[in-house]
Amino acid sequence: MTPGHEVCVQFILDLAARVEQHGERLARLEAQLRQDSRSSSRPPSADPPRSRAERRAAARAKAKELMRRDGVQRQAGGQSGHEGVGANSGRRTRSMKSSITIRTRAVVRPGVHCSAVHPGWAVRSPPDR
């Protein structure tokens, strides 16, 4: 081997050692970047900000994972004992006619009932809310 050849080989070996050092440093910095308040002793205020959508997606994913891990399967429908508010819940709802009557009474001139304007409609007072 020539002296120039030995210098080149030594230079390449030095570069390889530097690449290995930089690779280790990069791995250490990436691990440090992945840390947050859940995976280290850092306070939650040091966590990077996340949008509301990201927080909700993370919470949904965590809940799904917990349910999958525990083998819990949700049943369809609302909570037991809750009467509900849908069309079949048994709750009295206003008819379309009374809804129209309420709107018409608000539009009719003062002192004139909607029954005078529309004789087929019964005069009803608005429901309590």
C-alpha atoms as a PDB file:
ATOM      1  CA  MET A   1       0.000   0.000   0.000  1.00  0.00           C
ATOM      2  CA  THR A   2       1.083   3.469  -0.753  1.00  0.00           C
ATOM      3  CA  PRO A   3       1.162   6.219   1.865  1.00  0.00           C
ATOM      4  CA  GLY A   4      -1.650   8.071   0.043  1.00  0.00           C
ATOM      5  CA  HIS A   5      -3.775   4.938   0.037  1.00  0.00           C
ATOM      6  CA  GLU A   6      -3.345   4.490   3.826  1.00  0.00           C
ATOM      7  CA  VAL A   7      -4.370   8.114   4.416  1.00  0.00           C
ATOM      8  CA  CYS A   8      -7.537   7.609   2.371  1.00  0.00           C
ATOM      9  CA  VAL A   9      -8.436   4.416   4.266  1.00  0.00           C
ATOM     10  CA  GLN A  10      -7.897   6.174   7.617  1.00  0.00           C
ATOM     11  CA  PHE A  11     -10.030   9.118   6.446  1.00  0.00           C
ATOM     12  CA  ILE A  12     -12.881   6.764   5.458  1.00  0.00           C
ATOM     13  CA  LEU A  13     -12.661   4.970   8.819  1.00  0.00           C
ATOM     14  CA  ASP A  14     -12.845   8.337  10.630  1.00  0.00           C
ATOM     15  CA  LEU A  15     -15.910   9.291   8.572  1.00  0.00           C
ATOM     16  CA  ALA A  16     -17.582   5.951   9.384  1.00  0.00           C
ATOM     17  CA  ALA A  17     -16.968   6.550  13.110  1.00  0.00           C
ATOM     18  CA  ARG A  18     -18.502  10.046  12.829  1.00  0.00           C
ATOM     19  CA  VAL A  19     -21.556   8.673  10.991  1.00  0.00           C
ATOM     20  CA  GLU A  20     -22.037   6.145  13.792  1.00  0.00           C
ATOM     21  CA  GLN A  21     -21.741   8.894  16.444  1.00  0.00           C
ATOM     22  CA  HIS A  22     -24.244  11.080  14.602  1.00  0.00           C
ATOM     23  CA  GLY A  23     -26.623   8.135  14.260  1.00  0.00           C
ATOM     24  CA  GLU A  24     -26.521   7.534  18.021  1.00  0.00           C
ATOM     25  CA  ARG A  25     -27.029  11.245  18.692  1.00  0.00           C
ATOM     26  CA  LEU A  26     -29.954  11.379  16.261  1.00  0.00           C
ATOM     27  CA  ALA A  27     -31.614   8.370  17.949  1.00  0.00           C
ATOM     28  CA  ARG A  28     -31.157  10.009  21.372  1.00  0.00           C
ATOM     29  CA  LEU A  29     -32.637  13.327  20.182  1.00  0.00           C
ATOM     30  CA  GLU A  30     -35.586  11.614  18.473  1.00  0.00           C
ATOM     31  CA  ALA A  31     -36.340   9.667  21.668  1.00  0.00           C
ATOM     32  CA  GLN A  32     -36.201  12.923  23.613  1.00  0.00           C
ATOM     33  CA  LEU A  33     -38.565  14.554  21.113  1.00  0.00           C
ATOM     34  CA  ARG A  34     -41.118  11.731  21.519  1.00  0.00           C
ATOM     35  CA  GLN A  35     -41.305  12.270  25.273  1.00  0.00           C
ATOM     36  CA  ASP A  36     -44.321  14.040  26.703  1.00  0.00           C
ATOM     37  CA  SER A  37     -45.948  14.281  30.118  1.00  0.00           C
ATOM     38  CA  ARG A  38     -47.258  10.707  29.876  1.00  0.00           C
ATOM     39  CA  SER A  39     -43.933   9.077  29.035  1.00  0.00           C
ATOM     40  CA  SER A  40     -41.600  11.128  31.242  1.00  0.00           C
ATOM     41  CA  SER A  41     -41.533  13.269  34.366  1.00  0.00           C
ATOM     42  CA  ARG A  42     -42.188  16.438  32.371  1.00  0.00           C
ATOM     43  CA  PRO A  43     -45.248  18.515  33.367  1.00  0.00           C
ATOM     44  CA  PRO A  44     -48.259  18.600  30.998  1.00  0.00           C
ATOM     45  CA  SER A  45     -47.644  22.292  30.329  1.00  0.00           C
ATOM     46  CA  ALA A  46     -44.411  21.289  28.541  1.00  0.00           C
ATOM     47  CA  ASP A  47     -46.304  19.151  26.011  1.00  0.00           C
ATOM     48  CA  PRO A  48     -46.550  20.528  22.484  1.00  0.00           C
ATOM     49  CA  PRO A  49     -49.977  22.060  21.743  1.00  0.00           C
ATOM     50  CA  ARG A  50     -52.524  19.878  19.977  1.00  0.00           C
ATOM     51  CA  SER A  51     -55.754  20.834  18.281  1.00  0.00           C
ATOM     52  CA  ARG A  52     -59.145  19.855  19.693  1.00  0.00           C
ATOM     53  CA  ALA A  53     -59.635  17.331  16.892  1.00  0.00           C
ATOM     54  CA  GLU A  54     -56.300  15.664  17.682  1.00  0.00           C
ATOM     55  CA  ARG A  55     -57.124  15.460  21.402  1.00  0.00           C
ATOM     56  CA  ARG A  56     -60.562  13.973  20.700  1.00  0.00           C
ATOM     57  CA  ALA A  57     -59.149  11.460  18.203  1.00  0.00           C
ATOM     58  CA  ALA A  58     -56.533  10.368  20.734  1.00  0.00           C
ATOM     59  CA  ALA A  59     -59.180   9.960  23.439  1.00  0.00           C
ATOM     60  CA  ARG A  60     -61.406   7.911  21.101  1.00  0.00           C
ATOM     61  CA  ALA A  61     -58.482   5.701  20.094  1.00  0.00           C
ATOM     62  CA  LYS A  62     -57.532   5.160  23.733  1.00  0.00           C
ATOM     63  CA  ALA A  63     -61.124   4.271  24.694  1.00  0.00           C
ATOM     64  CA  LYS A  64     -61.380   1.865  21.751  1.00  0.00           C
ATOM     65  CA  GLU A  65     -58.121   0.198  22.729  1.00  0.00           C
ATOM     66  CA  LEU A  66     -59.220  -0.184  26.351  1.00  0.00           C
ATOM     67  CA  MET A  67     -62.551  -1.671  25.287  1.00  0.00           C
ATOM     68  CA  ARG A  68     -60.852  -4.025  22.827  1.00  0.00           C
ATOM     69  CA  ARG A  69     -58.303  -5.107  25.433  1.00  0.00           C
ATOM     70  CA  ASP A  70     -60.957  -5.699  28.121  1.00  0.00           C
ATOM     71  CA  GLY A  71     -63.274  -7.457  25.666  1.00  0.00           C
ATOM     72  CA  VAL A  72     -66.129  -5.053  26.385  1.00  0.00           C
ATOM     73  CA  GLN A  73     -68.734  -4.706  23.660  1.00  0.00           C
ATOM     74  CA  ARG A  74     -71.113  -1.732  23.750  1.00  0.00           C
ATOM     75  CA  GLN A  75     -74.784  -2.422  23.436  1.00  0.00           C
ATOM     76  CA  ALA A  76     -76.880  -0.392  21.035  1.00  0.00           C
ATOM     77  CA  GLY A  77     -79.183   2.282  22.449  1.00  0.00           C
ATOM     78  CA  GLY A  78     -79.108   4.780  25.244  1.00  0.00           C
ATOM     79  CA  GLN A  79     -78.461   4.342  28.920  1.00  0.00           C
ATOM     80  CA  SER A  80     -80.811   2.110  30.860  1.00  0.00           C
ATOM     81  CA  GLY A  81     -83.533   4.026  32.687  1.00  0.00           C
ATOM     82  CA  HIS A  82     -83.420   7.035  30.364  1.00  0.00           C
ATOM     83  CA  GLU A  83     -86.795   7.682  28.745  1.00  0.00           C
ATOM     84  CA  GLY A  84     -85.383   9.293  25.606  1.00  0.00           C
ATOM     85  CA  VAL A  85     -86.665  12.131  23.455  1.00  0.00           C
ATOM     86  CA  GLY A  86     -87.196  10.511  20.042  1.00  0.00           C
ATOM     87  CA  ALA A  87     -90.430   9.995  18.123  1.00  0.00           C
ATOM     88  CA  ASN A  88     -91.158   6.653  19.814  1.00  0.00           C
ATOM     89  CA  SER A  89     -90.179   7.685  23.312  1.00  0.00           C
ATOM     90  CA  GLY A  90     -93.713   8.272  24.586  1.00  0.00           C
ATOM     91  CA  ARG A  91     -93.095  11.955  25.172  1.00  0.00           C
ATOM     92  CA  ARG A  92     -95.861  14.265  23.955  1.00  0.00           C
ATOM     93  CA  THR A  93     -94.833  16.347  21.015  1.00  0.00           C
ATOM     94  CA  ARG A  94     -96.566  19.296  19.427  1.00  0.00           C
ATOM     95  CA  SER A  95     -98.510  18.634  16.300  1.00  0.00           C
ATOM     96  CA  MET A  96     -97.708  20.484  13.111  1.00  0.00           C
ATOM     97  CA  LYS A  97    -101.025  22.350  13.347  1.00  0.00           C
ATOM     98  CA  SER A  98    -100.231  23.778  16.792  1.00  0.00           C
ATOM     99  CA  SER A  99     -96.781  24.763  15.599  1.00  0.00           C
ATOM    100  CA  ILE A 100     -98.297  26.655  12.690  1.00  0.00           C
ATOM    101  CA  THR A 101    -100.877  28.221  15.012  1.00  0.00           C
ATOM    102  CA  ILE A 102     -98.177  29.529  17.298  1.00  0.00           C
ATOM    103  CA  ARG A 103     -96.279  31.042  14.400  1.00  0.00           C
ATOM    104  CA  THR A 104     -99.453  32.560  12.917  1.00  0.00           C
ATOM    105  CA  ARG A 105    -100.507  34.107  16.219  1.00  0.00           C
ATOM    106  CA  ALA A 106     -97.184  35.887  16.371  1.00  0.00           C
ATOM    107  CA  VAL A 107     -97.642  37.309  12.866  1.00  0.00           C
ATOM    108  CA  VAL A 108    -101.335  38.299  13.017  1.00  0.00           C
ATOM    109  CA  ARG A 109    -102.190  41.925  13.738  1.00  0.00           C
ATOM    110  CA  PRO A 110    -102.548  42.871  17.429  1.00  0.00           C
ATOM    111  CA  GLY A 111    -106.016  42.136  18.811  1.00  0.00           C
ATOM    112  CA  VAL A 112    -106.895  39.587  16.094  1.00  0.00           C
ATOM    113  CA  HIS A 113    -106.772  35.891  16.961  1.00  0.00           C
ATOM    114  CA  CYS A 114    -105.650  33.381  14.377  1.00  0.00           C
ATOM    115  CA  SER A 115    -109.083  31.726  14.569  1.00  0.00           C
ATOM    116  CA  ALA A 116    -110.506  34.892  12.996  1.00  0.00           C
ATOM    117  CA  VAL A 117    -108.010  34.653  10.149  1.00  0.00           C
ATOM    118  CA  HIS A 118    -108.147  30.850   9.807  1.00  0.00           C
ATOM    119  CA  PRO A 119    -111.543  29.646  11.127  1.00  0.00           C
ATOM    120  CA  GLY A 120    -110.579  25.941  11.106  1.00  0.00           C
ATOM    121  CA  TRP A 121    -107.754  26.402  13.570  1.00  0.00           C
ATOM    122  CA  ALA A 122    -108.284  26.277  17.274  1.00  0.00           C
ATOM    123  CA  VAL A 123    -106.731  28.984  19.400  1.00  0.00           C
ATOM    124  CA  ARG A 124    -104.094  27.438  21.646  1.00  0.00           C
ATOM    125  CA  SER A 125    -101.681  29.022  24.013  1.00  0.00           C
ATOM    126  CA  PRO A 126     -98.015  28.307  23.373  1.00  0.00           C
ATOM    127  CA  PRO A 127     -96.605  25.366  25.359  1.00  0.00           C
ATOM    128  CA  ASP A 128     -94.465  26.044  28.400  1.00  0.00           C
ATOM    129  CA  ARG A 129     -90.780  25.571  27.755  1.00  0.00           C
END
